[in-house]
Amino acid sequence: MPAGQNYRSVVLDSFREVEDQLSLLSHYADSAAADLMSVEASGRALDMATSRYRDGAVSYLEVVTAQTASLQAQRTALDLSIRRRRAAVQLVRALGGGWSVDRLNQVATANQGTVQVP
């Protein structure tokens, strides 16, 4: 493959990776808003179930069920937070982050023989 075609392919792949990560981050931001509402709602439901249990209106099973739902909502929100952070790291990598000067010099030397980054 000629150098021009190789360069074009690498550039297009890089743009695709950046666009994919930006799109993923946007999707995760929308999901995070929904997850936050879910965590808040499940917390309110847990508070209500606990209050009703203290008043003798329901059995403890309702409290445990509300606790389970609340913990699951929190777990889902945390999982999304981790995925958002991973997508942000992948975006930085797609934009060329993570390179050290030594590694860049190695690549430049291997590709062109004499280019050195100060």
PDB file of N, CA and C in Angstrom:
ATOM      1  N   MET A   1       0.859  -1.173   0.000  1.00  0.00           N
ATOM      2  CA  MET A   1       0.000   0.000   0.000  1.00  0.00           C
ATOM      3  C   MET A   1       0.904   1.234   0.000  1.00  0.00           C
ATOM      4  N   PRO A   2       0.675   2.161  -0.933  1.00  0.00           N
ATOM      5  CA  PRO A   2       1.475   3.392  -0.967  1.00  0.00           C
ATOM      6  C   PRO A   2       1.313   4.191   0.331  1.00  0.00           C
ATOM      7  N   ALA A   3       2.321   4.985   0.615  1.00  0.00           N
ATOM      8  CA  ALA A   3       2.334   5.756   1.863  1.00  0.00           C
ATOM      9  C   ALA A   3       1.129   6.694   1.956  1.00  0.00           C
ATOM     10  N   GLY A   4       0.717   7.302   0.856  1.00  0.00           N
ATOM     11  CA  GLY A   4      -0.429   8.216   0.856  1.00  0.00           C
ATOM     12  C   GLY A   4      -1.716   7.516   1.236  1.00  0.00           C
ATOM     13  N   GLN A   5      -1.919   6.334   0.707  1.00  0.00           N
ATOM     14  CA  GLN A   5      -3.119   5.572   1.043  1.00  0.00           C
ATOM     15  C   GLN A   5      -3.076   5.111   2.493  1.00  0.00           C
ATOM     16  N   ASN A   6      -1.913   4.710   2.943  1.00  0.00           N
ATOM     17  CA  ASN A   6      -1.746   4.286   4.333  1.00  0.00           C
ATOM     18  C   ASN A   6      -2.045   5.445   5.273  1.00  0.00           C
ATOM     19  N   TYR A   7      -1.515   6.620   4.960  1.00  0.00           N
ATOM     20  CA  TYR A   7      -1.755   7.807   5.783  1.00  0.00           C
ATOM     21  C   TYR A   7      -3.247   8.134   5.822  1.00  0.00           C
ATOM     22  N   ARG A   8      -3.884   8.113   4.655  1.00  0.00           N
ATOM     23  CA  ARG A   8      -5.324   8.410   4.582  1.00  0.00           C
ATOM     24  C   ARG A   8      -6.117   7.414   5.419  1.00  0.00           C
ATOM     25  N   SER A   9      -5.774   6.161   5.344  1.00  0.00           N
ATOM     26  CA  SER A   9      -6.458   5.130   6.112  1.00  0.00           C
ATOM     27  C   SER A   9      -6.308   5.356   7.618  1.00  0.00           C
ATOM     28  N   VAL A  10      -5.104   5.706   8.042  1.00  0.00           N
ATOM     29  CA  VAL A  10      -4.853   5.957   9.460  1.00  0.00           C
ATOM     30  C   VAL A  10      -5.631   7.181   9.928  1.00  0.00           C
ATOM     31  N   VAL A  11      -5.653   8.226   9.145  1.00  0.00           N
ATOM     32  CA  VAL A  11      -6.375   9.451   9.507  1.00  0.00           C
ATOM     33  C   VAL A  11      -7.877   9.187   9.592  1.00  0.00           C
ATOM     34  N   LEU A  12      -8.408   8.476   8.614  1.00  0.00           N
ATOM     35  CA  LEU A  12      -9.846   8.163   8.629  1.00  0.00           C
ATOM     36  C   LEU A  12     -10.205   7.280   9.826  1.00  0.00           C
ATOM     37  N   ASP A  13      -9.350   6.314  10.138  1.00  0.00           N
ATOM     38  CA  ASP A  13      -9.587   5.480  11.322  1.00  0.00           C
ATOM     39  C   ASP A  13      -9.559   6.317  12.596  1.00  0.00           C
ATOM     40  N   SER A  14      -8.649   7.258  12.653  1.00  0.00           N
ATOM     41  CA  SER A  14      -8.552   8.128  13.825  1.00  0.00           C
ATOM     42  C   SER A  14      -9.803   8.990  13.981  1.00  0.00           C
ATOM     43  N   PHE A  15     -10.256   9.569  12.885  1.00  0.00           N
ATOM     44  CA  PHE A  15     -11.489  10.367  12.938  1.00  0.00           C
ATOM     45  C   PHE A  15     -12.682   9.512  13.368  1.00  0.00           C
ATOM     46  N   ARG A  16     -12.754   8.288  12.852  1.00  0.00           N
ATOM     47  CA  ARG A  16     -13.836   7.387  13.215  1.00  0.00           C
ATOM     48  C   ARG A  16     -13.798   7.076  14.712  1.00  0.00           C
ATOM     49  N   GLU A  17     -12.610   6.785  15.242  1.00  0.00           N
ATOM     50  CA  GLU A  17     -12.475   6.483  16.668  1.00  0.00           C
ATOM     51  C   GLU A  17     -12.900   7.677  17.530  1.00  0.00           C
ATOM     52  N   VAL A  18     -12.482   8.870  17.142  1.00  0.00           N
ATOM     53  CA  VAL A  18     -12.854  10.067  17.898  1.00  0.00           C
ATOM     54  C   VAL A  18     -14.367  10.269  17.854  1.00  0.00           C
ATOM     55  N   GLU A  19     -14.951  10.154  16.671  1.00  0.00           N
ATOM     56  CA  GLU A  19     -16.403  10.328  16.528  1.00  0.00           C
ATOM     57  C   GLU A  19     -17.162   9.280  17.339  1.00  0.00           C
ATOM     58  N   ASP A  20     -16.684   8.040  17.307  1.00  0.00           N
ATOM     59  CA  ASP A  20     -17.334   6.979  18.084  1.00  0.00           C
ATOM     60  C   ASP A  20     -17.326   7.289  19.576  1.00  0.00           C
ATOM     61  N   GLN A  21     -16.194   7.749  20.084  1.00  0.00           N
ATOM     62  CA  GLN A  21     -16.085   8.039  21.514  1.00  0.00           C
ATOM     63  C   GLN A  21     -16.911   9.263  21.896  1.00  0.00           C
ATOM     64  N   LEU A  22     -16.943  10.276  21.041  1.00  0.00           N
ATOM     65  CA  LEU A  22     -17.782  11.443  21.319  1.00  0.00           C
ATOM     66  C   LEU A  22     -19.260  11.064  21.348  1.00  0.00           C
ATOM     67  N   SER A  23     -19.660  10.233  20.417  1.00  0.00           N
ATOM     68  CA  SER A  23     -21.048   9.773  20.373  1.00  0.00           C
ATOM     69  C   SER A  23     -21.374   8.950  21.625  1.00  0.00           C
ATOM     70  N   LEU A  24     -20.464   8.088  22.011  1.00  0.00           N
ATOM     71  CA  LEU A  24     -20.670   7.266  23.203  1.00  0.00           C
ATOM     72  C   LEU A  24     -20.770   8.129  24.456  1.00  0.00           C
ATOM     73  N   LEU A  25     -19.921   9.122  24.568  1.00  0.00           N
ATOM     74  CA  LEU A  25     -19.978  10.024  25.720  1.00  0.00           C
ATOM     75  C   LEU A  25     -21.301  10.786  25.759  1.00  0.00           C
ATOM     76  N   SER A  26     -21.788  11.200  24.610  1.00  0.00           N
ATOM     77  CA  SER A  26     -23.076  11.888  24.551  1.00  0.00           C
ATOM     78  C   SER A  26     -24.202  10.967  24.996  1.00  0.00           C
ATOM     79  N   HIS A  27     -24.169   9.740  24.522  1.00  0.00           N
ATOM     80  CA  HIS A  27     -25.176   8.749  24.918  1.00  0.00           C
ATOM     81  C   HIS A  27     -25.120   8.495  26.419  1.00  0.00           C
ATOM     82  N   TYR A  28     -23.917   8.354  26.967  1.00  0.00           N
ATOM     83  CA  TYR A  28     -23.762   8.113  28.397  1.00  0.00           C
ATOM     84  C   TYR A  28     -24.242   9.304  29.225  1.00  0.00           C
ATOM     85  N   ALA A  29     -24.047  10.511  28.728  1.00  0.00           N
ATOM     86  CA  ALA A  29     -24.516  11.691  29.456  1.00  0.00           C
ATOM     87  C   ALA A  29     -26.041  11.684  29.554  1.00  0.00           C
ATOM     88  N   ASP A  30     -26.710  11.314  28.471  1.00  0.00           N
ATOM     89  CA  ASP A  30     -28.170  11.218  28.504  1.00  0.00           C
ATOM     90  C   ASP A  30     -28.622  10.135  29.487  1.00  0.00           C
ATOM     91  N   SER A  31     -27.943   9.012  29.451  1.00  0.00           N
ATOM     92  CA  SER A  31     -28.284   7.907  30.347  1.00  0.00           C
ATOM     93  C   SER A  31     -28.018   8.266  31.801  1.00  0.00           C
ATOM     94  N   ALA A  32     -26.987   9.053  32.045  1.00  0.00           N
ATOM     95  CA  ALA A  32     -26.651   9.440  33.421  1.00  0.00           C
ATOM     96  C   ALA A  32     -27.769  10.272  34.034  1.00  0.00           C
ATOM     97  N   ALA A  33     -28.385  11.131  33.249  1.00  0.00           N
ATOM     98  CA  ALA A  33     -29.492  11.941  33.758  1.00  0.00           C
ATOM     99  C   ALA A  33     -30.657  11.039  34.164  1.00  0.00           C
ATOM    100  N   ALA A  34     -30.948  10.048  33.338  1.00  0.00           N
ATOM    101  CA  ALA A  34     -32.034   9.115  33.661  1.00  0.00           C
ATOM    102  C   ALA A  34     -31.692   8.281  34.892  1.00  0.00           C
ATOM    103  N   ASP A  35     -30.442   7.861  34.984  1.00  0.00           N
ATOM    104  CA  ASP A  35     -30.011   7.073  36.147  1.00  0.00           C
ATOM    105  C   ASP A  35     -30.085   7.885  37.430  1.00  0.00           C
ATOM    106  N   LEU A  36     -29.742   9.151  37.354  1.00  0.00           N
ATOM    107  CA  LEU A  36     -29.815  10.009  38.534  1.00  0.00           C
ATOM    108  C   LEU A  36     -31.258  10.120  39.026  1.00  0.00           C
ATOM    109  N   MET A  37     -32.180  10.284  38.099  1.00  0.00           N
ATOM    110  CA  MET A  37     -33.591  10.346  38.488  1.00  0.00           C
ATOM    111  C   MET A  37     -34.044   9.025  39.103  1.00  0.00           C
ATOM    112  N   SER A  38     -33.547   7.922  38.566  1.00  0.00           N
ATOM    113  CA  SER A  38     -33.898   6.604  39.099  1.00  0.00           C
ATOM    114  C   SER A  38     -33.362   6.414  40.518  1.00  0.00           C
ATOM    115  N   VAL A  39     -32.137   6.847  40.758  1.00  0.00           N
ATOM    116  CA  VAL A  39     -31.543   6.741  42.102  1.00  0.00           C
ATOM    117  C   VAL A  39     -32.340   7.586  43.091  1.00  0.00           C
ATOM    118  N   GLU A  40     -32.690   8.804  42.681  1.00  0.00           N
ATOM    119  CA  GLU A  40     -33.459   9.676  43.573  1.00  0.00           C
ATOM    120  C   GLU A  40     -34.844   9.095  43.864  1.00  0.00           C
ATOM    121  N   ALA A  41     -35.497   8.570  42.845  1.00  0.00           N
ATOM    122  CA  ALA A  41     -36.837   7.998  43.033  1.00  0.00           C
ATOM    123  C   ALA A  41     -36.786   6.763  43.920  1.00  0.00           C
ATOM    124  N   SER A  42     -35.787   5.926  43.718  1.00  0.00           N
ATOM    125  CA  SER A  42     -35.700   4.721  44.551  1.00  0.00           C
ATOM    126  C   SER A  42     -35.350   5.077  45.991  1.00  0.00           C
ATOM    127  N   GLY A  43     -34.597   6.146  46.187  1.00  0.00           N
ATOM    128  CA  GLY A  43     -34.303   6.615  47.546  1.00  0.00           C
ATOM    129  C   GLY A  43     -35.563   7.113  48.247  1.00  0.00           C
ATOM    130  N   ARG A  44     -36.391   7.846  47.487  1.00  0.00           N
ATOM    131  CA  ARG A  44     -37.661   8.312  48.066  1.00  0.00           C
ATOM    132  C   ARG A  44     -38.580   7.141  48.389  1.00  0.00           C
ATOM    133  N   ALA A  45     -38.604   6.139  47.513  1.00  0.00           N
ATOM    134  CA  ALA A  45     -39.441   4.954  47.755  1.00  0.00           C
ATOM    135  C   ALA A  45     -38.959   4.200  48.992  1.00  0.00           C
ATOM    136  N   LEU A  46     -37.649   4.139  49.163  1.00  0.00           N
ATOM    137  CA  LEU A  46     -37.098   3.485  50.358  1.00  0.00           C
ATOM    138  C   LEU A  46     -37.481   4.255  51.616  1.00  0.00           C
ATOM    139  N   ASP A  47     -37.383   5.567  51.562  1.00  0.00           N
ATOM    140  CA  ASP A  47     -37.786   6.385  52.716  1.00  0.00           C
ATOM    141  C   ASP A  47     -39.268   6.174  53.055  1.00  0.00           C
ATOM    142  N   MET A  48     -40.099   6.130  52.042  1.00  0.00           N
ATOM    143  CA  MET A  48     -41.533   5.924  52.272  1.00  0.00           C
ATOM    144  C   MET A  48     -41.799   4.535  52.853  1.00  0.00           C
ATOM    145  N   ALA A  49     -41.130   3.518  52.316  1.00  0.00           N
ATOM    146  CA  ALA A  49     -41.332   2.158  52.813  1.00  0.00           C
ATOM    147  C   ALA A  49     -40.884   2.042  54.265  1.00  0.00           C
ATOM    148  N   THR A  50     -39.774   2.672  54.594  1.00  0.00           N
ATOM    149  CA  THR A  50     -39.272   2.646  55.971  1.00  0.00           C
ATOM    150  C   THR A  50     -40.247   3.349  56.905  1.00  0.00           C
ATOM    151  N   SER A  51     -40.758   4.484  56.470  1.00  0.00           N
ATOM    152  CA  SER A  51     -41.719   5.227  57.275  1.00  0.00           C
ATOM    153  C   SER A  51     -42.996   4.413  57.486  1.00  0.00           C
ATOM    154  N   ARG A  52     -43.483   3.804  56.429  1.00  0.00           N
ATOM    155  CA  ARG A  52     -44.698   2.993  56.538  1.00  0.00           C
ATOM    156  C   ARG A  52     -44.475   1.783  57.451  1.00  0.00           C
ATOM    157  N   TYR A  53     -43.259   1.213  57.394  1.00  0.00           N
ATOM    158  CA  TYR A  53     -42.947   0.079  58.270  1.00  0.00           C
ATOM    159  C   TYR A  53     -42.947   0.521  59.741  1.00  0.00           C
ATOM    160  N   ARG A  54     -42.343   1.678  60.011  1.00  0.00           N
ATOM    161  CA  ARG A  54     -42.312   2.197  61.386  1.00  0.00           C
ATOM    162  C   ARG A  54     -43.721   2.465  61.917  1.00  0.00           C
ATOM    163  N   ASP A  55     -44.607   2.879  61.022  1.00  0.00           N
ATOM    164  CA  ASP A  55     -45.995   3.146  61.424  1.00  0.00           C
ATOM    165  C   ASP A  55     -46.826   1.871  61.513  1.00  0.00           C
ATOM    166  N   GLY A  56     -46.239   0.737  61.112  1.00  0.00           N
ATOM    167  CA  GLY A  56     -46.948  -0.534  61.192  1.00  0.00           C
ATOM    168  C   GLY A  56     -47.878  -0.814  60.027  1.00  0.00           C
ATOM    169  N   ALA A  57     -47.758  -0.058  58.968  1.00  0.00           N
ATOM    170  CA  ALA A  57     -48.664  -0.207  57.832  1.00  0.00           C
ATOM    171  C   ALA A  57     -48.259  -1.346  56.889  1.00  0.00           C
ATOM    172  N   VAL A  58     -46.964  -1.696  56.867  1.00  0.00           N
ATOM    173  CA  VAL A  58     -46.484  -2.739  55.946  1.00  0.00           C
ATOM    174  C   VAL A  58     -45.499  -3.642  56.676  1.00  0.00           C
ATOM    175  N   SER A  59     -45.220  -4.777  56.045  1.00  0.00           N
ATOM    176  CA  SER A  59     -44.229  -5.693  56.621  1.00  0.00           C
ATOM    177  C   SER A  59     -42.821  -5.228  56.230  1.00  0.00           C
ATOM    178  N   TYR A  60     -41.840  -5.840  56.859  1.00  0.00           N
ATOM    179  CA  TYR A  60     -40.450  -5.473  56.577  1.00  0.00           C
ATOM    180  C   TYR A  60     -40.048  -5.892  55.165  1.00  0.00           C
ATOM    181  N   LEU A  61     -40.783  -6.820  54.584  1.00  0.00           N
ATOM    182  CA  LEU A  61     -40.497  -7.247  53.216  1.00  0.00           C
ATOM    183  C   LEU A  61     -40.547  -6.072  52.241  1.00  0.00           C
ATOM    184  N   GLU A  62     -41.474  -5.156  52.445  1.00  0.00           N
ATOM    185  CA  GLU A  62     -41.550  -3.983  51.570  1.00  0.00           C
ATOM    186  C   GLU A  62     -40.303  -3.119  51.705  1.00  0.00           C
ATOM    187  N   VAL A  63     -39.775  -3.003  52.926  1.00  0.00           N
ATOM    188  CA  VAL A  63     -38.550  -2.232  53.146  1.00  0.00           C
ATOM    189  C   VAL A  63     -37.378  -2.903  52.431  1.00  0.00           C
ATOM    190  N   VAL A  64     -37.284  -4.215  52.582  1.00  0.00           N
ATOM    191  CA  VAL A  64     -36.189  -4.945  51.931  1.00  0.00           C
ATOM    192  C   VAL A  64     -36.289  -4.840  50.414  1.00  0.00           C
ATOM    193  N   THR A  65     -37.494  -4.919  49.900  1.00  0.00           N
ATOM    194  CA  THR A  65     -37.699  -4.781  48.452  1.00  0.00           C
ATOM    195  C   THR A  65     -37.280  -3.386  47.984  1.00  0.00           C
ATOM    196  N   ALA A  66     -37.632  -2.369  48.736  1.00  0.00           N
ATOM    197  CA  ALA A  66     -37.244  -0.997  48.384  1.00  0.00           C
ATOM    198  C   ALA A  66     -35.729  -0.820  48.490  1.00  0.00           C
ATOM    199  N   GLN A  67     -35.114  -1.432  49.499  1.00  0.00           N
ATOM    200  CA  GLN A  67     -33.656  -1.363  49.630  1.00  0.00           C
ATOM    201  C   GLN A  67     -32.979  -2.016  48.425  1.00  0.00           C
ATOM    202  N   THR A  68     -33.502  -3.159  48.017  1.00  0.00           N
ATOM    203  CA  THR A  68     -32.938  -3.864  46.860  1.00  0.00           C
ATOM    204  C   THR A  68     -33.030  -3.002  45.606  1.00  0.00           C
ATOM    205  N   ALA A  69     -34.180  -2.391  45.402  1.00  0.00           N
ATOM    206  CA  ALA A  69     -34.366  -1.533  44.228  1.00  0.00           C
ATOM    207  C   ALA A  69     -33.436  -0.323  44.287  1.00  0.00           C
ATOM    208  N   SER A  70     -33.290   0.261  45.468  1.00  0.00           N
ATOM    209  CA  SER A  70     -32.421   1.424  45.628  1.00  0.00           C
ATOM    210  C   SER A  70     -30.961   1.059  45.360  1.00  0.00           C
ATOM    211  N   LEU A  71     -30.533  -0.053  45.912  1.00  0.00           N
ATOM    212  CA  LEU A  71     -29.146  -0.485  45.698  1.00  0.00           C
ATOM    213  C   LEU A  71     -28.888  -0.830  44.238  1.00  0.00           C
ATOM    214  N   GLN A  72     -29.861  -1.434  43.581  1.00  0.00           N
ATOM    215  CA  GLN A  72     -29.697  -1.757  42.163  1.00  0.00           C
ATOM    216  C   GLN A  72     -29.598  -0.482  41.318  1.00  0.00           C
ATOM    217  N   ALA A  73     -30.390   0.516  41.639  1.00  0.00           N
ATOM    218  CA  ALA A  73     -30.324   1.791  40.914  1.00  0.00           C
ATOM    219  C   ALA A  73     -28.967   2.453  41.126  1.00  0.00           C
ATOM    220  N   GLN A  74     -28.455   2.395  42.349  1.00  0.00           N
ATOM    221  CA  GLN A  74     -27.132   2.961  42.632  1.00  0.00           C
ATOM    222  C   GLN A  74     -26.047   2.198  41.881  1.00  0.00           C
ATOM    223  N   ARG A  75     -26.177   0.881  41.854  1.00  0.00           N
ATOM    224  CA  ARG A  75     -25.193   0.053  41.156  1.00  0.00           C
ATOM    225  C   ARG A  75     -25.187   0.376  39.659  1.00  0.00           C
ATOM    226  N   THR A  76     -26.364   0.529  39.086  1.00  0.00           N
ATOM    227  CA  THR A  76     -26.475   0.864  37.668  1.00  0.00           C
ATOM    228  C   THR A  76     -25.836   2.225  37.380  1.00  0.00           C
ATOM    229  N   ALA A  77     -26.077   3.189  38.254  1.00  0.00           N
ATOM    230  CA  ALA A  77     -25.480   4.525  38.083  1.00  0.00           C
ATOM    231  C   ALA A  77     -23.964   4.470  38.189  1.00  0.00           C
ATOM    232  N   LEU A  78     -23.453   3.679  39.120  1.00  0.00           N
ATOM    233  CA  LEU A  78     -22.001   3.545  39.252  1.00  0.00           C
ATOM    234  C   LEU A  78     -21.390   2.849  38.037  1.00  0.00           C
ATOM    235  N   ASP A  79     -22.080   1.840  37.533  1.00  0.00           N
ATOM    236  CA  ASP A  79     -21.599   1.143  36.343  1.00  0.00           C
ATOM    237  C   ASP A  79     -21.520   2.103  35.155  1.00  0.00           C
ATOM    238  N   LEU A  80     -22.531   2.943  35.019  1.00  0.00           N
ATOM    239  CA  LEU A  80     -22.524   3.929  33.937  1.00  0.00           C
ATOM    240  C   LEU A  80     -21.394   4.934  34.130  1.00  0.00           C
ATOM    241  N   SER A  81     -21.152   5.331  35.365  1.00  0.00           N
ATOM    242  CA  SER A  81     -20.057   6.261  35.651  1.00  0.00           C
ATOM    243  C   SER A  81     -18.710   5.671  35.229  1.00  0.00           C
ATOM    244  N   ILE A  82     -18.529   4.395  35.492  1.00  0.00           N
ATOM    245  CA  ILE A  82     -17.288   3.718  35.082  1.00  0.00           C
ATOM    246  C   ILE A  82     -17.183   3.686  33.566  1.00  0.00           C
ATOM    247  N   ARG A  83     -18.286   3.358  32.893  1.00  0.00           N
ATOM    248  CA  ARG A  83     -18.268   3.323  31.419  1.00  0.00           C
ATOM    249  C   ARG A  83     -17.989   4.699  30.834  1.00  0.00           C
ATOM    250  N   ARG A  84     -18.514   5.754  31.459  1.00  0.00           N
ATOM    251  CA  ARG A  84     -18.249   7.120  30.981  1.00  0.00           C
ATOM    252  C   ARG A  84     -16.763   7.456  31.115  1.00  0.00           C
ATOM    253  N   ARG A  85     -16.176   7.078  32.228  1.00  0.00           N
ATOM    254  CA  ARG A  85     -14.752   7.347  32.418  1.00  0.00           C
ATOM    255  C   ARG A  85     -13.890   6.573  31.424  1.00  0.00           C
ATOM    256  N   ARG A  86     -14.257   5.331  31.175  1.00  0.00           N
ATOM    257  CA  ARG A  86     -13.517   4.534  30.185  1.00  0.00           C
ATOM    258  C   ARG A  86     -13.645   5.139  28.791  1.00  0.00           C
ATOM    259  N   ALA A  87     -14.837   5.608  28.451  1.00  0.00           N
ATOM    260  CA  ALA A  87     -15.034   6.244  27.141  1.00  0.00           C
ATOM    261  C   ALA A  87     -14.211   7.530  27.044  1.00  0.00           C
ATOM    262  N   ALA A  88     -14.104   8.271  28.145  1.00  0.00           N
ATOM    263  CA  ALA A  88     -13.302   9.499  28.136  1.00  0.00           C
ATOM    264  C   ALA A  88     -11.824   9.163  27.921  1.00  0.00           C
ATOM    265  N   VAL A  89     -11.365   8.106  28.554  1.00  0.00           N
ATOM    266  CA  VAL A  89      -9.970   7.678  28.363  1.00  0.00           C
ATOM    267  C   VAL A  89      -9.753   7.245  26.921  1.00  0.00           C
ATOM    268  N   GLN A  90     -10.708   6.503  26.360  1.00  0.00           N
ATOM    269  CA  GLN A  90     -10.582   6.078  24.971  1.00  0.00           C
ATOM    270  C   GLN A  90     -10.600   7.278  24.021  1.00  0.00           C
ATOM    271  N   LEU A  91     -11.350   8.311  24.362  1.00  0.00           N
ATOM    272  CA  LEU A  91     -11.355   9.524  23.541  1.00  0.00           C
ATOM    273  C   LEU A  91      -9.981  10.185  23.570  1.00  0.00           C
ATOM    274  N   VAL A  92      -9.403  10.280  24.748  1.00  0.00           N
ATOM    275  CA  VAL A  92      -8.062  10.868  24.863  1.00  0.00           C
ATOM    276  C   VAL A  92      -7.066  10.044  24.047  1.00  0.00           C
ATOM    277  N   ARG A  93      -7.176   8.728  24.129  1.00  0.00           N
ATOM    278  CA  ARG A  93      -6.277   7.874  23.348  1.00  0.00           C
ATOM    279  C   ARG A  93      -6.493   8.071  21.854  1.00  0.00           C
ATOM    280  N   ALA A  94      -7.761   8.190  21.432  1.00  0.00           N
ATOM    281  CA  ALA A  94      -8.060   8.389  20.015  1.00  0.00           C
ATOM    282  C   ALA A  94      -7.530   9.729  19.517  1.00  0.00           C
ATOM    283  N   LEU A  95      -7.478  10.708  20.423  1.00  0.00           N
ATOM    284  CA  LEU A  95      -6.949  12.019  20.057  1.00  0.00           C
ATOM    285  C   LEU A  95      -5.422  12.064  20.114  1.00  0.00           C
ATOM    286  N   GLY A  96      -4.806  10.946  20.454  1.00  0.00           N
ATOM    287  CA  GLY A  96      -3.345  10.874  20.469  1.00  0.00           C
ATOM    288  C   GLY A  96      -2.748  10.985  21.847  1.00  0.00           C
ATOM    289  N   GLY A  97      -3.559  10.981  22.872  1.00  0.00           N
ATOM    290  CA  GLY A  97      -3.037  11.058  24.234  1.00  0.00           C
ATOM    291  C   GLY A  97      -2.338   9.782  24.627  1.00  0.00           C
ATOM    292  N   GLY A  98      -1.539   9.884  25.659  1.00  0.00           N
ATOM    293  CA  GLY A  98      -0.857   8.713  26.170  1.00  0.00           C
ATOM    294  C   GLY A  98       0.520   8.479  25.584  1.00  0.00           C
ATOM    295  N   TRP A  99       0.934   9.317  24.668  1.00  0.00           N
ATOM    296  CA  TRP A  99       2.258   9.149  24.081  1.00  0.00           C
ATOM    297  C   TRP A  99       3.297   9.845  24.926  1.00  0.00           C
ATOM    298  N   SER A 100       4.388   9.187  25.154  1.00  0.00           N
ATOM    299  CA  SER A 100       5.517   9.835  25.806  1.00  0.00           C
ATOM    300  C   SER A 100       6.471  10.328  24.715  1.00  0.00           C
ATOM    301  N   VAL A 101       7.323  11.252  25.051  1.00  0.00           N
ATOM    302  CA  VAL A 101       8.281  11.789  24.088  1.00  0.00           C
ATOM    303  C   VAL A 101       9.217  10.685  23.616  1.00  0.00           C
ATOM    304  N   ASP A 102       9.651   9.817  24.525  1.00  0.00           N
ATOM    305  CA  ASP A 102      10.540   8.719  24.141  1.00  0.00           C
ATOM    306  C   ASP A 102       9.880   7.809  23.112  1.00  0.00           C
ATOM    307  N   ARG A 103       8.616   7.469  23.354  1.00  0.00           N
ATOM    308  CA  ARG A 103       7.906   6.599  22.429  1.00  0.00           C
ATOM    309  C   ARG A 103       7.696   7.301  21.092  1.00  0.00           C
ATOM    310  N   LEU A 104       7.372   8.567  21.112  1.00  0.00           N
ATOM    311  CA  LEU A 104       7.194   9.322  19.881  1.00  0.00           C
ATOM    312  C   LEU A 104       8.499   9.357  19.084  1.00  0.00           C
ATOM    313  N   ASN A 105       9.622   9.556  19.768  1.00  0.00           N
ATOM    314  CA  ASN A 105      10.922   9.534  19.092  1.00  0.00           C
ATOM    315  C   ASN A 105      11.199   8.167  18.473  1.00  0.00           C
ATOM    316  N   GLN A 106      10.842   7.101  19.164  1.00  0.00           N
ATOM    317  CA  GLN A 106      11.044   5.762  18.622  1.00  0.00           C
ATOM    318  C   GLN A 106      10.242   5.563  17.346  1.00  0.00           C
ATOM    319  N   VAL A 107       8.989   5.975  17.360  1.00  0.00           N
ATOM    320  CA  VAL A 107       8.137   5.829  16.188  1.00  0.00           C
ATOM    321  C   VAL A 107       8.646   6.701  15.047  1.00  0.00           C
ATOM    322  N   ALA A 108       9.001   7.939  15.349  1.00  0.00           N
ATOM    323  CA  ALA A 108       9.500   8.848  14.315  1.00  0.00           C
ATOM    324  C   ALA A 108      10.800   8.322  13.712  1.00  0.00           C
ATOM    325  N   THR A 109      11.671   7.803  14.544  1.00  0.00           N
ATOM    326  CA  THR A 109      12.940   7.267  14.066  1.00  0.00           C
ATOM    327  C   THR A 109      12.705   6.040  13.194  1.00  0.00           C
ATOM    328  N   ALA A 110      11.801   5.181  13.607  1.00  0.00           N
ATOM    329  CA  ALA A 110      11.510   3.973  12.836  1.00  0.00           C
ATOM    330  C   ALA A 110      10.866   4.322  11.499  1.00  0.00           C
ATOM    331  N   ASN A 111      10.023   5.349  11.448  1.00  0.00           N
ATOM    332  CA  ASN A 111       9.313   5.698  10.223  1.00  0.00           C
ATOM    333  C   ASN A 111      10.137   6.546   9.266  1.00  0.00           C
ATOM    334  N   GLN A 112      10.972   7.452   9.803  1.00  0.00           N
ATOM    335  CA  GLN A 112      11.678   8.367   8.910  1.00  0.00           C
ATOM    336  C   GLN A 112      13.181   8.363   9.097  1.00  0.00           C
ATOM    337  N   GLY A 113      13.648   7.764  10.136  1.00  0.00           N
ATOM    338  CA  GLY A 113      15.079   7.618  10.300  1.00  0.00           C
ATOM    339  C   GLY A 113      15.776   8.722  11.049  1.00  0.00           C
ATOM    340  N   THR A 114      15.349   9.987  10.915  1.00  0.00           N
ATOM    341  CA  THR A 114      16.126  11.068  11.530  1.00  0.00           C
ATOM    342  C   THR A 114      15.302  12.064  12.330  1.00  0.00           C
ATOM    343  N   VAL A 115      13.996  11.976  12.333  1.00  0.00           N
ATOM    344  CA  VAL A 115      13.162  12.958  13.024  1.00  0.00           C
ATOM    345  C   VAL A 115      13.239  12.740  14.524  1.00  0.00           C
ATOM    346  N   GLN A 116      13.516  13.774  15.294  1.00  0.00           N
ATOM    347  CA  GLN A 116      13.572  13.712  16.741  1.00  0.00           C
ATOM    348  C   GLN A 116      12.706  14.828  17.323  1.00  0.00           C
ATOM    349  N   VAL A 117      11.936  14.497  18.334  1.00  0.00           N
ATOM    350  CA  VAL A 117      11.107  15.487  19.021  1.00  0.00           C
ATOM    351  C   VAL A 117      11.894  15.997  20.204  1.00  0.00           C
ATOM    352  N   PRO A 118      12.020  17.322  20.342  1.00  0.00           N
ATOM    353  CA  PRO A 118      12.810  17.861  21.463  1.00  0.00           C
ATOM    354  C   PRO A 118      12.163  17.577  22.804  1.00  0.00           C
TER     355      PRO A 118
END
